[in-house]
């Protein structure tokens, strides 16, 4: 998603992991605070859902749940979201069109335990 294009959600960043990070230097954080941060540059790499699931399986994890959510706990796309009574943010128009977050549960069996 691309928070710069405020008329509608737009895909502006890579979905798949790239060799170089996407660099952000926001003026403020998504957390409501009076604190002024002096270091705001972040370097981020996307990890597609397939990459995450495969990494867990490659490390012997058992996936026990995967749920996609229509909401996020912050206004990820300013001007395009509405805050629900539970404090979560949804897309104003057609929130059913894409997941905004997901919850993945996994565990690894300890050696010698059945």
PDB file of N, CA and C in Angstrom:
ATOM      1  N   UNK A   1       0.845  -1.176   0.000  1.00  0.00           N
ATOM      2  CA  UNK A   1       0.000   0.000   0.000  1.00  0.00           C
ATOM      3  C   UNK A   1       0.889   1.237   0.000  1.00  0.00           C
ATOM      4  N   UNK A   2       0.333   2.323  -0.449  1.00  0.00           N
ATOM      5  CA  UNK A   2       1.101   3.558  -0.566  1.00  0.00           C
ATOM      6  C   UNK A   2       0.314   4.682   0.088  1.00  0.00           C
ATOM      7  N   UNK A   3       0.761   5.109   1.265  1.00  0.00           N
ATOM      8  CA  UNK A   3       0.036   6.136   2.014  1.00  0.00           C
ATOM      9  C   UNK A   3       0.157   7.525   1.408  1.00  0.00           C
ATOM     10  N   UNK A   4       1.009   7.693   0.414  1.00  0.00           N
ATOM     11  CA  UNK A   4       1.172   9.007  -0.226  1.00  0.00           C
ATOM     12  C   UNK A   4       0.006   9.306  -1.157  1.00  0.00           C
ATOM     13  N   UNK A   5      -0.532   8.278  -1.805  1.00  0.00           N
ATOM     14  CA  UNK A   5      -1.669   8.453  -2.708  1.00  0.00           C
ATOM     15  C   UNK A   5      -2.949   8.352  -1.889  1.00  0.00           C
ATOM     16  N   UNK A   6      -3.555   9.484  -1.589  1.00  0.00           N
ATOM     17  CA  UNK A   6      -4.672   9.496  -0.644  1.00  0.00           C
ATOM     18  C   UNK A   6      -6.043   9.399  -1.295  1.00  0.00           C
ATOM     19  N   UNK A   7      -6.131   9.402  -2.620  1.00  0.00           N
ATOM     20  CA  UNK A   7      -7.431   9.310  -3.267  1.00  0.00           C
ATOM     21  C   UNK A   7      -8.008   7.902  -3.157  1.00  0.00           C
ATOM     22  N   UNK A   8      -7.134   6.891  -3.166  1.00  0.00           N
ATOM     23  CA  UNK A   8      -7.556   5.501  -3.065  1.00  0.00           C
ATOM     24  C   UNK A   8      -6.334   4.662  -2.699  1.00  0.00           C
ATOM     25  N   UNK A   9      -6.555   3.476  -2.154  1.00  0.00           N
ATOM     26  CA  UNK A   9      -5.399   2.621  -1.892  1.00  0.00           C
ATOM     27  C   UNK A   9      -4.651   2.315  -3.186  1.00  0.00           C
ATOM     28  N   UNK A  10      -3.350   2.408  -3.134  1.00  0.00           N
ATOM     29  CA  UNK A  10      -2.518   2.129  -4.298  1.00  0.00           C
ATOM     30  C   UNK A  10      -1.330   1.286  -3.864  1.00  0.00           C
ATOM     31  N   UNK A  11      -0.967   0.338  -4.710  1.00  0.00           N
ATOM     32  CA  UNK A  11       0.205  -0.482  -4.418  1.00  0.00           C
ATOM     33  C   UNK A  11       1.418   0.298  -4.897  1.00  0.00           C
ATOM     34  N   UNK A  12       2.238   0.753  -3.950  1.00  0.00           N
ATOM     35  CA  UNK A  12       3.385   1.575  -4.286  1.00  0.00           C
ATOM     36  C   UNK A  12       4.711   0.999  -3.844  1.00  0.00           C
ATOM     37  N   UNK A  13       4.669  -0.094  -3.087  1.00  0.00           N
ATOM     38  CA  UNK A  13       5.887  -0.698  -2.581  1.00  0.00           C
ATOM     39  C   UNK A  13       5.924  -2.164  -2.999  1.00  0.00           C
ATOM     40  N   UNK A  14       7.104  -2.746  -3.064  1.00  0.00           N
ATOM     41  CA  UNK A  14       7.182  -4.149  -3.478  1.00  0.00           C
ATOM     42  C   UNK A  14       6.519  -5.084  -2.473  1.00  0.00           C
ATOM     43  N   UNK A  15       5.864  -6.095  -3.000  1.00  0.00           N
ATOM     44  CA  UNK A  15       5.301  -7.136  -2.141  1.00  0.00           C
ATOM     45  C   UNK A  15       6.393  -8.144  -1.795  1.00  0.00           C
ATOM     46  N   UNK A  16       7.190  -8.521  -2.794  1.00  0.00           N
ATOM     47  CA  UNK A  16       8.237  -9.508  -2.580  1.00  0.00           C
ATOM     48  C   UNK A  16       9.493  -8.835  -2.055  1.00  0.00           C
ATOM     49  N   UNK A  17      10.284  -9.604  -1.304  1.00  0.00           N
ATOM     50  CA  UNK A  17      11.518  -9.069  -0.743  1.00  0.00           C
ATOM     51  C   UNK A  17      12.482  -8.685  -1.862  1.00  0.00           C
ATOM     52  N   UNK A  18      13.074  -7.527  -1.726  1.00  0.00           N
ATOM     53  CA  UNK A  18      14.043  -7.022  -2.687  1.00  0.00           C
ATOM     54  C   UNK A  18      15.416  -6.992  -1.999  1.00  0.00           C
ATOM     55  N   UNK A  19      16.508  -6.990  -2.787  1.00  0.00           N
ATOM     56  CA  UNK A  19      17.847  -6.946  -2.175  1.00  0.00           C
ATOM     57  C   UNK A  19      18.072  -5.690  -1.335  1.00  0.00           C
ATOM     58  N   UNK A  20      17.575  -4.564  -1.809  1.00  0.00           N
ATOM     59  CA  UNK A  20      17.749  -3.302  -1.088  1.00  0.00           C
ATOM     60  C   UNK A  20      16.490  -2.988  -0.294  1.00  0.00           C
ATOM     61  N   UNK A  21      16.637  -2.372   0.873  1.00  0.00           N
ATOM     62  CA  UNK A  21      15.456  -2.041   1.679  1.00  0.00           C
ATOM     63  C   UNK A  21      14.680  -0.864   1.104  1.00  0.00           C
ATOM     64  N   UNK A  22      13.432  -0.765   1.522  1.00  0.00           N
ATOM     65  CA  UNK A  22      12.656   0.446   1.299  1.00  0.00           C
ATOM     66  C   UNK A  22      12.980   1.339   2.494  1.00  0.00           C
ATOM     67  N   UNK A  23      13.363   2.580   2.224  1.00  0.00           N
ATOM     68  CA  UNK A  23      13.794   3.490   3.289  1.00  0.00           C
ATOM     69  C   UNK A  23      12.693   4.519   3.533  1.00  0.00           C
ATOM     70  N   UNK A  24      12.347   4.692   4.803  1.00  0.00           N
ATOM     71  CA  UNK A  24      11.340   5.665   5.204  1.00  0.00           C
ATOM     72  C   UNK A  24      11.953   6.634   6.205  1.00  0.00           C
ATOM     73  N   UNK A  25      11.508   7.873   6.143  1.00  0.00           N
ATOM     74  CA  UNK A  25      11.929   8.880   7.111  1.00  0.00           C
ATOM     75  C   UNK A  25      10.708   9.708   7.514  1.00  0.00           C
ATOM     76  N   UNK A  26       9.802   9.116   8.267  1.00  0.00           N
ATOM     77  CA  UNK A  26       8.567   9.814   8.633  1.00  0.00           C
ATOM     78  C   UNK A  26       8.817  10.936   9.638  1.00  0.00           C
ATOM     79  N   UNK A  27       7.961  11.921   9.604  1.00  0.00           N
ATOM     80  CA  UNK A  27       8.069  13.032  10.556  1.00  0.00           C
ATOM     81  C   UNK A  27       7.536  12.654  11.924  1.00  0.00           C
ATOM     82  N   UNK A  28       6.643  11.667  11.958  1.00  0.00           N
ATOM     83  CA  UNK A  28       6.076  11.255  13.242  1.00  0.00           C
ATOM     84  C   UNK A  28       5.843   9.753  13.214  1.00  0.00           C
ATOM     85  N   UNK A  29       5.549   9.207  14.372  1.00  0.00           N
ATOM     86  CA  UNK A  29       5.288   7.787  14.507  1.00  0.00           C
ATOM     87  C   UNK A  29       3.786   7.541  14.467  1.00  0.00           C
ATOM     88  N   UNK A  30       3.384   6.304  14.216  1.00  0.00           N
ATOM     89  CA  UNK A  30       1.960   5.962  14.240  1.00  0.00           C
ATOM     90  C   UNK A  30       1.434   5.863  15.671  1.00  0.00           C
ATOM     91  N   UNK A  31       2.314   5.883  16.648  1.00  0.00           N
ATOM     92  CA  UNK A  31       1.921   5.822  18.057  1.00  0.00           C
ATOM     93  C   UNK A  31       1.596   7.234  18.534  1.00  0.00           C
ATOM     94  N   UNK A  32       0.470   7.388  19.213  1.00  0.00           N
ATOM     95  CA  UNK A  32       0.106   8.692  19.744  1.00  0.00           C
ATOM     96  C   UNK A  32       1.012   9.014  20.929  1.00  0.00           C
ATOM     97  N   UNK A  33       1.841  10.054  20.769  1.00  0.00           N
ATOM     98  CA  UNK A  33       2.789  10.424  21.814  1.00  0.00           C
ATOM     99  C   UNK A  33       3.186  11.880  21.658  1.00  0.00           C
ATOM    100  N   UNK A  34       3.600  12.488  22.750  1.00  0.00           N
ATOM    101  CA  UNK A  34       4.117  13.854  22.732  1.00  0.00           C
ATOM    102  C   UNK A  34       5.617  13.866  22.474  1.00  0.00           C
ATOM    103  N   UNK A  35       6.231  12.704  22.548  1.00  0.00           N
ATOM    104  CA  UNK A  35       7.677  12.588  22.366  1.00  0.00           C
ATOM    105  C   UNK A  35       8.070  12.949  20.943  1.00  0.00           C
ATOM    106  N   UNK A  36       9.125  13.743  20.817  1.00  0.00           N
ATOM    107  CA  UNK A  36       9.670  14.057  19.501  1.00  0.00           C
ATOM    108  C   UNK A  36      10.888  13.186  19.275  1.00  0.00           C
ATOM    109  N   UNK A  37      10.844  12.395  18.219  1.00  0.00           N
ATOM    110  CA  UNK A  37      11.935  11.493  17.911  1.00  0.00           C
ATOM    111  C   UNK A  37      12.980  12.200  17.067  1.00  0.00           C
ATOM    112  N   UNK A  38      14.240  11.935  17.353  1.00  0.00           N
ATOM    113  CA  UNK A  38      15.318  12.540  16.572  1.00  0.00           C
ATOM    114  C   UNK A  38      15.841  11.571  15.513  1.00  0.00           C
ATOM    115  N   UNK A  39      15.620  10.281  15.714  1.00  0.00           N
ATOM    116  CA  UNK A  39      16.041   9.257  14.752  1.00  0.00           C
ATOM    117  C   UNK A  39      14.792   8.587  14.197  1.00  0.00           C
ATOM    118  N   UNK A  40      14.414   8.902  12.955  1.00  0.00           N
ATOM    119  CA  UNK A  40      13.174   8.354  12.407  1.00  0.00           C
ATOM    120  C   UNK A  40      13.374   7.537  11.136  1.00  0.00           C
ATOM    121  N   UNK A  41      14.593   7.435  10.642  1.00  0.00           N
ATOM    122  CA  UNK A  41      14.832   6.687   9.409  1.00  0.00           C
ATOM    123  C   UNK A  41      14.741   5.190   9.686  1.00  0.00           C
ATOM    124  N   UNK A  42      13.974   4.483   8.869  1.00  0.00           N
ATOM    125  CA  UNK A  42      13.892   3.031   8.973  1.00  0.00           C
ATOM    126  C   UNK A  42      14.255   2.405   7.628  1.00  0.00           C
ATOM    127  N   UNK A  43      14.832   1.228   7.680  1.00  0.00           N
ATOM    128  CA  UNK A  43      15.147   0.434   6.495  1.00  0.00           C
ATOM    129  C   UNK A  43      14.328  -0.843   6.625  1.00  0.00           C
ATOM    130  N   UNK A  44      13.451  -1.083   5.658  1.00  0.00           N
ATOM    131  CA  UNK A  44      12.513  -2.187   5.787  1.00  0.00           C
ATOM    132  C   UNK A  44      12.544  -3.099   4.565  1.00  0.00           C
ATOM    133  N   UNK A  45      12.419  -4.400   4.829  1.00  0.00           N
ATOM    134  CA  UNK A  45      12.309  -5.405   3.774  1.00  0.00           C
ATOM    135  C   UNK A  45      10.965  -6.087   3.931  1.00  0.00           C
ATOM    136  N   UNK A  46      10.225  -6.198   2.854  1.00  0.00           N
ATOM    137  CA  UNK A  46       8.968  -6.937   2.882  1.00  0.00           C
ATOM    138  C   UNK A  46       9.246  -8.421   2.862  1.00  0.00           C
ATOM    139  N   UNK A  47       8.393  -9.165   3.520  1.00  0.00           N
ATOM    140  CA  UNK A  47       8.436 -10.625   3.490  1.00  0.00           C
ATOM    141  C   UNK A  47       7.026 -11.077   3.154  1.00  0.00           C
ATOM    142  N   UNK A  48       6.845 -11.611   1.952  1.00  0.00           N
ATOM    143  CA  UNK A  48       5.536 -12.101   1.537  1.00  0.00           C
ATOM    144  C   UNK A  48       5.058 -13.214   2.449  1.00  0.00           C
ATOM    145  N   UNK A  49       3.772 -13.448   2.454  1.00  0.00           N
ATOM    146  CA  UNK A  49       3.197 -14.473   3.313  1.00  0.00           C
ATOM    147  C   UNK A  49       3.814 -15.839   3.025  1.00  0.00           C
ATOM    148  N   UNK A  50       4.060 -16.148   1.766  1.00  0.00           N
ATOM    149  CA  UNK A  50       4.697 -17.415   1.417  1.00  0.00           C
ATOM    150  C   UNK A  50       6.087 -17.539   2.015  1.00  0.00           C
ATOM    151  N   UNK A  51       6.857 -16.427   2.011  1.00  0.00           N
ATOM    152  CA  UNK A  51       8.197 -16.439   2.614  1.00  0.00           C
ATOM    153  C   UNK A  51       8.124 -16.708   4.109  1.00  0.00           C
ATOM    154  N   UNK A  52       7.173 -16.106   4.778  1.00  0.00           N
ATOM    155  CA  UNK A  52       7.034 -16.272   6.230  1.00  0.00           C
ATOM    156  C   UNK A  52       6.652 -17.711   6.564  1.00  0.00           C
ATOM    157  N   UNK A  53       5.637 -18.232   5.874  1.00  0.00           N
ATOM    158  CA  UNK A  53       5.182 -19.598   6.137  1.00  0.00           C
ATOM    159  C   UNK A  53       6.298 -20.590   5.832  1.00  0.00           C
ATOM    160  N   UNK A  54       6.971 -20.433   4.701  1.00  0.00           N
ATOM    161  CA  UNK A  54       8.050 -21.346   4.326  1.00  0.00           C
ATOM    162  C   UNK A  54       9.190 -21.300   5.333  1.00  0.00           C
ATOM    163  N   UNK A  55       9.548 -20.129   5.832  1.00  0.00           N
ATOM    164  CA  UNK A  55      10.615 -20.024   6.837  1.00  0.00           C
ATOM    165  C   UNK A  55      10.245 -20.781   8.108  1.00  0.00           C
ATOM    166  N   UNK A  56       9.006 -20.660   8.534  1.00  0.00           N
ATOM    167  CA  UNK A  56       8.572 -21.392   9.730  1.00  0.00           C
ATOM    168  C   UNK A  56       8.643 -22.894   9.502  1.00  0.00           C
ATOM    169  N   UNK A  57       8.142 -23.354   8.363  1.00  0.00           N
ATOM    170  CA  UNK A  57       8.174 -24.786   8.062  1.00  0.00           C
ATOM    171  C   UNK A  57       9.611 -25.294   7.949  1.00  0.00           C
ATOM    172  N   UNK A  58      10.488 -24.505   7.322  1.00  0.00           N
ATOM    173  CA  UNK A  58      11.894 -24.885   7.179  1.00  0.00           C
ATOM    174  C   UNK A  58      12.601 -25.029   8.526  1.00  0.00           C
ATOM    175  N   UNK A  59      12.082 -24.379   9.551  1.00  0.00           N
ATOM    176  CA  UNK A  59      12.687 -24.444  10.877  1.00  0.00           C
ATOM    177  C   UNK A  59      11.921 -25.375  11.819  1.00  0.00           C
ATOM    178  N   UNK A  60      11.139 -26.259  11.237  1.00  0.00           N
ATOM    179  CA  UNK A  60      10.486 -27.295  12.023  1.00  0.00           C
ATOM    180  C   UNK A  60       9.249 -26.850  12.780  1.00  0.00           C
ATOM    181  N   UNK A  61       8.717 -25.709  12.424  1.00  0.00           N
ATOM    182  CA  UNK A  61       7.526 -25.216  13.114  1.00  0.00           C
ATOM    183  C   UNK A  61       6.273 -25.859  12.514  1.00  0.00           C
ATOM    184  N   UNK A  62       5.257 -25.997  13.339  1.00  0.00           N
ATOM    185  CA  UNK A  62       3.950 -26.456  12.897  1.00  0.00           C
ATOM    186  C   UNK A  62       3.009 -25.261  12.941  1.00  0.00           C
ATOM    187  N   UNK A  63       2.410 -24.950  11.829  1.00  0.00           N
ATOM    188  CA  UNK A  63       1.476 -23.822  11.766  1.00  0.00           C
ATOM    189  C   UNK A  63       0.135 -24.283  12.308  1.00  0.00           C
ATOM    190  N   UNK A  64      -0.372 -23.569  13.302  1.00  0.00           N
ATOM    191  CA  UNK A  64      -1.630 -23.946  13.945  1.00  0.00           C
ATOM    192  C   UNK A  64      -2.758 -22.977  13.656  1.00  0.00           C
ATOM    193  N   UNK A  65      -2.439 -21.851  13.017  1.00  0.00           N
ATOM    194  CA  UNK A  65      -3.494 -20.908  12.680  1.00  0.00           C
ATOM    195  C   UNK A  65      -2.994 -19.790  11.793  1.00  0.00           C
ATOM    196  N   UNK A  66      -3.853 -19.331  10.922  1.00  0.00           N
ATOM    197  CA  UNK A  66      -3.565 -18.177  10.070  1.00  0.00           C
ATOM    198  C   UNK A  66      -4.874 -17.460   9.807  1.00  0.00           C
ATOM    199  N   UNK A  67      -4.960 -16.222  10.271  1.00  0.00           N
ATOM    200  CA  UNK A  67      -6.170 -15.421  10.106  1.00  0.00           C
ATOM    201  C   UNK A  67      -5.787 -14.086   9.489  1.00  0.00           C
ATOM    202  N   UNK A  68      -6.478 -13.701   8.420  1.00  0.00           N
ATOM    203  CA  UNK A  68      -6.261 -12.395   7.820  1.00  0.00           C
ATOM    204  C   UNK A  68      -7.293 -11.429   8.394  1.00  0.00           C
ATOM    205  N   UNK A  69      -6.880 -10.168   8.583  1.00  0.00           N
ATOM    206  CA  UNK A  69      -7.751  -9.178   9.206  1.00  0.00           C
ATOM    207  C   UNK A  69      -8.021  -8.007   8.268  1.00  0.00           C
ATOM    208  N   UNK A  70      -9.203  -7.470   8.351  1.00  0.00           N
ATOM    209  CA  UNK A  70      -9.586  -6.294   7.567  1.00  0.00           C
ATOM    210  C   UNK A  70      -9.162  -4.995   8.234  1.00  0.00           C
ATOM    211  N   UNK A  71      -8.569  -5.081   9.407  1.00  0.00           N
ATOM    212  CA  UNK A  71      -8.273  -3.873  10.177  1.00  0.00           C
ATOM    213  C   UNK A  71      -6.836  -3.862  10.670  1.00  0.00           C
ATOM    214  N   UNK A  72      -6.409  -2.676  11.111  1.00  0.00           N
ATOM    215  CA  UNK A  72      -5.094  -2.481  11.726  1.00  0.00           C
ATOM    216  C   UNK A  72      -5.277  -1.594  12.960  1.00  0.00           C
ATOM    217  N   UNK A  73      -4.348  -1.654  13.915  1.00  0.00           N
ATOM    218  CA  UNK A  73      -4.497  -0.848  15.131  1.00  0.00           C
ATOM    219  C   UNK A  73      -4.015   0.594  14.986  1.00  0.00           C
ATOM    220  N   UNK A  74      -3.670   1.042  13.774  1.00  0.00           N
ATOM    221  CA  UNK A  74      -3.270   2.420  13.548  1.00  0.00           C
ATOM    222  C   UNK A  74      -3.815   2.864  12.194  1.00  0.00           C
ATOM    223  N   UNK A  75      -3.861   4.154  11.974  1.00  0.00           N
ATOM    224  CA  UNK A  75      -4.367   4.679  10.706  1.00  0.00           C
ATOM    225  C   UNK A  75      -3.254   4.564   9.651  1.00  0.00           C
ATOM    226  N   UNK A  76      -3.143   3.384   9.066  1.00  0.00           N
ATOM    227  CA  UNK A  76      -2.054   3.091   8.131  1.00  0.00           C
ATOM    228  C   UNK A  76      -2.147   3.914   6.850  1.00  0.00           C
ATOM    229  N   UNK A  77      -3.341   4.249   6.430  1.00  0.00           N
ATOM    230  CA  UNK A  77      -3.548   5.044   5.217  1.00  0.00           C
ATOM    231  C   UNK A  77      -4.375   6.278   5.582  1.00  0.00           C
ATOM    232  N   UNK A  78      -3.718   7.330   6.040  1.00  0.00           N
ATOM    233  CA  UNK A  78      -4.438   8.525   6.493  1.00  0.00           C
ATOM    234  C   UNK A  78      -5.403   9.051   5.437  1.00  0.00           C
ATOM    235  N   UNK A  79      -6.610   9.361   5.899  1.00  0.00           N
ATOM    236  CA  UNK A  79      -7.640   9.902   5.025  1.00  0.00           C
ATOM    237  C   UNK A  79      -8.438   8.849   4.282  1.00  0.00           C
ATOM    238  N   UNK A  80      -8.002   7.592   4.364  1.00  0.00           N
ATOM    239  CA  UNK A  80      -8.694   6.511   3.660  1.00  0.00           C
ATOM    240  C   UNK A  80      -9.282   5.477   4.605  1.00  0.00           C
ATOM    241  N   UNK A  81      -9.196   5.790   5.913  1.00  0.00           N
ATOM    242  CA  UNK A  81      -9.621   4.817   6.907  1.00  0.00           C
ATOM    243  C   UNK A  81     -10.571   5.449   7.911  1.00  0.00           C
ATOM    244  N   UNK A  82     -11.335   4.598   8.547  1.00  0.00           N
ATOM    245  CA  UNK A  82     -12.234   5.030   9.599  1.00  0.00           C
ATOM    246  C   UNK A  82     -11.969   4.197  10.842  1.00  0.00           C
ATOM    247  N   UNK A  83     -12.064   4.846  12.002  1.00  0.00           N
ATOM    248  CA  UNK A  83     -11.801   4.138  13.270  1.00  0.00           C
ATOM    249  C   UNK A  83     -13.098   3.541  13.786  1.00  0.00           C
ATOM    250  N   UNK A  84     -13.039   2.266  14.078  1.00  0.00           N
ATOM    251  CA  UNK A  84     -14.191   1.544  14.597  1.00  0.00           C
ATOM    252  C   UNK A  84     -14.282   1.716  16.109  1.00  0.00           C
ATOM    253  N   UNK A  85     -15.411   1.331  16.696  1.00  0.00           N
ATOM    254  CA  UNK A  85     -15.626   1.454  18.136  1.00  0.00           C
ATOM    255  C   UNK A  85     -14.578   0.667  18.937  1.00  0.00           C
ATOM    256  N   UNK A  86     -14.047  -0.419  18.362  1.00  0.00           N
ATOM    257  CA  UNK A  86     -13.054  -1.232  19.069  1.00  0.00           C
ATOM    258  C   UNK A  86     -11.640  -0.659  18.955  1.00  0.00           C
ATOM    259  N   UNK A  87     -11.496   0.504  18.286  1.00  0.00           N
ATOM    260  CA  UNK A  87     -10.196   1.156  18.158  1.00  0.00           C
ATOM    261  C   UNK A  87      -9.416   0.758  16.922  1.00  0.00           C
ATOM    262  N   UNK A  88      -9.884  -0.247  16.190  1.00  0.00           N
ATOM    263  CA  UNK A  88      -9.217  -0.698  14.971  1.00  0.00           C
ATOM    264  C   UNK A  88      -9.607   0.205  13.795  1.00  0.00           C
ATOM    265  N   UNK A  89      -8.730   0.275  12.796  1.00  0.00           N
ATOM    266  CA  UNK A  89      -8.949   1.095  11.605  1.00  0.00           C
ATOM    267  C   UNK A  89      -9.261   0.213  10.406  1.00  0.00           C
ATOM    268  N   UNK A  90     -10.311   0.583   9.653  1.00  0.00           N
ATOM    269  CA  UNK A  90     -10.734  -0.116   8.440  1.00  0.00           C
ATOM    270  C   UNK A  90     -10.664   0.846   7.259  1.00  0.00           C
ATOM    271  N   UNK A  91     -10.511   0.286   6.059  1.00  0.00           N
ATOM    272  CA  UNK A  91     -10.630   1.114   4.863  1.00  0.00           C
ATOM    273  C   UNK A  91     -12.048   1.668   4.803  1.00  0.00           C
ATOM    274  N   UNK A  92     -12.191   2.932   4.428  1.00  0.00           N
ATOM    275  CA  UNK A  92     -13.512   3.557   4.327  1.00  0.00           C
ATOM    276  C   UNK A  92     -14.347   2.891   3.231  1.00  0.00           C
ATOM    277  N   UNK A  93     -13.719   2.638   2.097  1.00  0.00           N
ATOM    278  CA  UNK A  93     -14.445   2.060   0.970  1.00  0.00           C
ATOM    279  C   UNK A  93     -14.006   0.627   0.746  1.00  0.00           C
ATOM    280  N   UNK A  94     -14.950  -0.266   0.691  1.00  0.00           N
ATOM    281  CA  UNK A  94     -14.720  -1.667   0.386  1.00  0.00           C
ATOM    282  C   UNK A  94     -13.621  -2.320   1.236  1.00  0.00           C
ATOM    283  N   UNK A  95     -13.801  -2.353   2.547  1.00  0.00           N
ATOM    284  CA  UNK A  95     -12.774  -2.963   3.399  1.00  0.00           C
ATOM    285  C   UNK A  95     -12.601  -4.461   3.143  1.00  0.00           C
ATOM    286  N   UNK A  96     -13.515  -5.038   2.395  1.00  0.00           N
ATOM    287  CA  UNK A  96     -13.418  -6.472   2.099  1.00  0.00           C
ATOM    288  C   UNK A  96     -12.445  -6.783   0.964  1.00  0.00           C
ATOM    289  N   UNK A  97     -11.870  -5.761   0.327  1.00  0.00           N
ATOM    290  CA  UNK A  97     -11.069  -6.031  -0.871  1.00  0.00           C
ATOM    291  C   UNK A  97      -9.668  -6.558  -0.615  1.00  0.00           C
ATOM    292  N   UNK A  98      -9.122  -6.355   0.581  1.00  0.00           N
ATOM    293  CA  UNK A  98      -7.796  -6.910   0.852  1.00  0.00           C
ATOM    294  C   UNK A  98      -7.539  -6.963   2.348  1.00  0.00           C
ATOM    295  N   UNK A  99      -6.728  -7.931   2.768  1.00  0.00           N
ATOM    296  CA  UNK A  99      -6.370  -7.989   4.187  1.00  0.00           C
ATOM    297  C   UNK A  99      -5.337  -6.901   4.492  1.00  0.00           C
ATOM    298  N   UNK A 100      -5.428  -6.346   5.683  1.00  0.00           N
ATOM    299  CA  UNK A 100      -4.476  -5.319   6.101  1.00  0.00           C
ATOM    300  C   UNK A 100      -3.420  -5.878   7.040  1.00  0.00           C
ATOM    301  N   UNK A 101      -3.772  -6.909   7.777  1.00  0.00           N
ATOM    302  CA  UNK A 101      -2.833  -7.578   8.679  1.00  0.00           C
ATOM    303  C   UNK A 101      -3.192  -9.056   8.734  1.00  0.00           C
ATOM    304  N   UNK A 102      -2.336  -9.817   9.368  1.00  0.00           N
ATOM    305  CA  UNK A 102      -2.673 -11.217   9.611  1.00  0.00           C
ATOM    306  C   UNK A 102      -2.071 -11.648  10.942  1.00  0.00           C
ATOM    307  N   UNK A 103      -2.664 -12.694  11.490  1.00  0.00           N
ATOM    308  CA  UNK A 103      -2.150 -13.330  12.693  1.00  0.00           C
ATOM    309  C   UNK A 103      -1.771 -14.752  12.313  1.00  0.00           C
ATOM    310  N   UNK A 104      -0.524 -15.118  12.570  1.00  0.00           N
ATOM    311  CA  UNK A 104      -0.038 -16.455  12.269  1.00  0.00           C
ATOM    312  C   UNK A 104       0.415 -17.086  13.573  1.00  0.00           C
ATOM    313  N   UNK A 105      -0.062 -18.285  13.829  1.00  0.00           N
ATOM    314  CA  UNK A 105       0.329 -19.009  15.035  1.00  0.00           C
ATOM    315  C   UNK A 105       1.098 -20.254  14.620  1.00  0.00           C
ATOM    316  N   UNK A 106       2.203 -20.522  15.319  1.00  0.00           N
ATOM    317  CA  UNK A 106       2.998 -21.710  15.040  1.00  0.00           C
ATOM    318  C   UNK A 106       3.710 -22.129  16.321  1.00  0.00           C
ATOM    319  N   UNK A 107       4.105 -23.387  16.360  1.00  0.00           N
ATOM    320  CA  UNK A 107       4.891 -23.881  17.492  1.00  0.00           C
ATOM    321  C   UNK A 107       5.867 -24.932  17.000  1.00  0.00           C
ATOM    322  N   UNK A 108       6.871 -25.175  17.796  1.00  0.00           N
ATOM    323  CA  UNK A 108       7.844 -26.226  17.496  1.00  0.00           C
ATOM    324  C   UNK A 108       7.833 -27.201  18.660  1.00  0.00           C
ATOM    325  N   UNK A 109       7.722 -28.457  18.345  1.00  0.00           N
ATOM    326  CA  UNK A 109       7.737 -29.496  19.368  1.00  0.00           C
ATOM    327  C   UNK A 109       9.142 -29.579  19.951  1.00  0.00           C
ATOM    328  N   UNK A 110       9.253 -29.565  21.261  1.00  0.00           N
ATOM    329  CA  UNK A 110      10.546 -29.708  21.908  1.00  0.00           C
ATOM    330  C   UNK A 110      11.051 -31.128  21.729  1.00  0.00           C
ATOM    331  N   UNK A 111      12.350 -31.260  21.542  1.00  0.00           N
ATOM    332  CA  UNK A 111      12.955 -32.579  21.348  1.00  0.00           C
ATOM    333  C   UNK A 111      12.616 -33.495  22.511  1.00  0.00           C
ATOM    334  N   UNK A 112      12.212 -34.727  22.221  1.00  0.00           N
ATOM    335  CA  UNK A 112      11.914 -35.706  23.260  1.00  0.00           C
ATOM    336  C   UNK A 112      10.509 -35.610  23.808  1.00  0.00           C
ATOM    337  N   UNK A 113       9.716 -34.662  23.320  1.00  0.00           N
ATOM    338  CA  UNK A 113       8.330 -34.541  23.807  1.00  0.00           C
ATOM    339  C   UNK A 113       7.378 -34.920  22.686  1.00  0.00           C
ATOM    340  N   UNK A 114       6.380 -35.625  23.017  1.00  0.00           N
ATOM    341  CA  UNK A 114       5.370 -36.034  22.038  1.00  0.00           C
ATOM    342  C   UNK A 114       4.107 -35.270  22.257  1.00  0.00           C
TER     343      UNK A 114
END
